[in-house]
Amino acid sequence: MTNPNPPTPATPWDNPPERKKTLRRKRAEKLARRAEHWGARLAEARAEGSDMEASVLFDRLRGEFDRLPETARERAYEDVVQALERLRETHAQ
């Protein structure tokens, strides 16, 4: 005769947690919500004018900088400066 209810492990480490969603999926959904949020904010800002759009872009850039560790922040700052220089060179013609 077999036992219909198998014994449960006595210790928590023998019984790993069951996640409703994988961590990878949760991160992807969080990034998608963030992208949707900023997309909506940019669309509203475009309707109000280029100054408002620039302000929203700066807010997003500042938020991303604040989330980075110090060493990555310095590299990201250099990348932003280079991107702005390329933008200026491209559209200055």
Protein backbone atom coordinates (compact mmCIF):
# COMPACT_ATOMS: atom_id res chain seq x y z
CA MET A 1 0.00 0.00 0.00
CA THR A 2 1.43 3.38 -0.98
CA ASN A 3 1.10 6.49 1.09
CA PRO A 4 -0.97 9.10 -0.87
CA ASN A 5 0.65 11.96 1.07
CA PRO A 6 4.44 11.80 0.84
CA PRO A 7 6.23 13.05 3.96
CA THR A 8 7.24 16.71 3.90
CA PRO A 9 10.85 17.56 4.64
CA ALA A 10 11.50 18.53 8.22
CA THR A 11 13.87 21.40 7.43
CA PRO A 12 13.19 24.48 5.28
CA TRP A 13 16.37 24.09 3.24
CA ASP A 14 15.17 20.67 2.09
CA ASN A 15 12.04 22.31 0.74
CA PRO A 16 12.96 25.08 -1.74
CA PRO A 17 10.46 27.94 -2.20
CA GLU A 18 8.10 27.75 -5.10
CA ARG A 19 7.99 31.03 -6.98
CA LYS A 20 4.96 32.09 -8.93
CA LYS A 21 7.26 33.88 -11.39
CA THR A 22 10.92 33.43 -12.09
CA LEU A 23 13.17 36.30 -11.06
CA ARG A 24 14.17 36.82 -14.69
CA ARG A 25 10.52 37.28 -15.64
CA LYS A 26 9.89 39.67 -12.75
CA ARG A 27 12.88 41.79 -13.80
CA ALA A 28 11.72 41.82 -17.42
CA GLU A 29 8.22 42.91 -16.38
CA LYS A 30 9.67 45.65 -14.17
CA LEU A 31 11.82 46.94 -17.04
CA ALA A 32 8.81 46.84 -19.37
CA ARG A 33 6.72 48.87 -16.89
CA ARG A 34 9.55 51.40 -16.56
CA ALA A 35 9.89 51.69 -20.34
CA GLU A 36 6.12 52.15 -20.68
CA HIS A 37 6.16 54.85 -17.99
CA TRP A 38 8.95 56.83 -19.64
CA GLY A 39 7.41 56.35 -23.08
CA ALA A 40 4.15 57.85 -21.89
CA ARG A 41 5.96 60.74 -20.18
CA LEU A 42 7.95 61.48 -23.35
CA ALA A 43 4.82 61.38 -25.51
CA GLU A 44 3.10 63.89 -23.21
CA ALA A 45 6.21 66.07 -23.18
CA ARG A 46 6.47 66.07 -26.98
CA ALA A 47 2.92 67.38 -27.15
CA GLU A 48 3.91 70.28 -24.91
CA GLY A 49 7.07 71.22 -26.78
CA SER A 50 10.77 70.57 -27.15
CA ASP A 51 11.74 72.24 -23.85
CA MET A 52 9.45 69.94 -21.90
CA GLU A 53 10.75 66.93 -23.81
CA ALA A 54 14.34 67.88 -22.97
CA SER A 55 13.36 68.25 -19.32
CA VAL A 56 11.83 64.76 -19.21
CA LEU A 57 14.90 63.28 -20.93
CA PHE A 58 17.13 64.95 -18.36
CA ASP A 59 14.96 63.58 -15.52
CA ARG A 60 15.30 60.07 -16.92
CA LEU A 61 19.05 60.42 -17.39
CA ARG A 62 19.48 61.72 -13.86
CA GLY A 63 17.45 58.84 -12.45
CA GLU A 64 19.55 56.29 -14.30
CA PHE A 65 22.76 57.95 -13.08
CA ASP A 66 21.55 57.85 -9.49
CA ARG A 67 20.96 54.09 -9.71
CA LEU A 68 24.50 53.34 -10.92
CA PRO A 69 27.46 52.61 -8.66
CA GLU A 70 30.14 55.33 -8.57
CA THR A 71 32.60 53.68 -10.98
CA ALA A 72 29.91 52.90 -13.54
CA ARG A 73 28.53 56.43 -13.12
CA GLU A 74 31.85 57.94 -14.17
CA ARG A 75 32.00 55.76 -17.30
CA ALA A 76 28.37 56.51 -18.12
CA TYR A 77 29.01 60.25 -17.75
CA GLU A 78 31.84 60.03 -20.29
CA ASP A 79 29.56 58.12 -22.67
CA VAL A 80 26.84 60.75 -22.35
CA VAL A 81 29.33 63.56 -23.02
CA GLN A 82 30.59 61.76 -26.14
CA ALA A 83 27.02 61.15 -27.34
CA LEU A 84 26.20 64.85 -26.90
CA GLU A 85 29.32 65.83 -28.84
CA ARG A 86 28.39 63.47 -31.70
CA LEU A 87 24.86 64.87 -31.69
CA ARG A 88 26.15 68.43 -31.80
CA GLU A 89 28.57 67.61 -34.65
CA THR A 90 25.90 65.80 -36.65
CA HIS A 91 23.29 68.55 -36.42
CA ALA A 92 25.57 71.58 -36.51
CA GLN A 93 25.93 71.35 -40.28
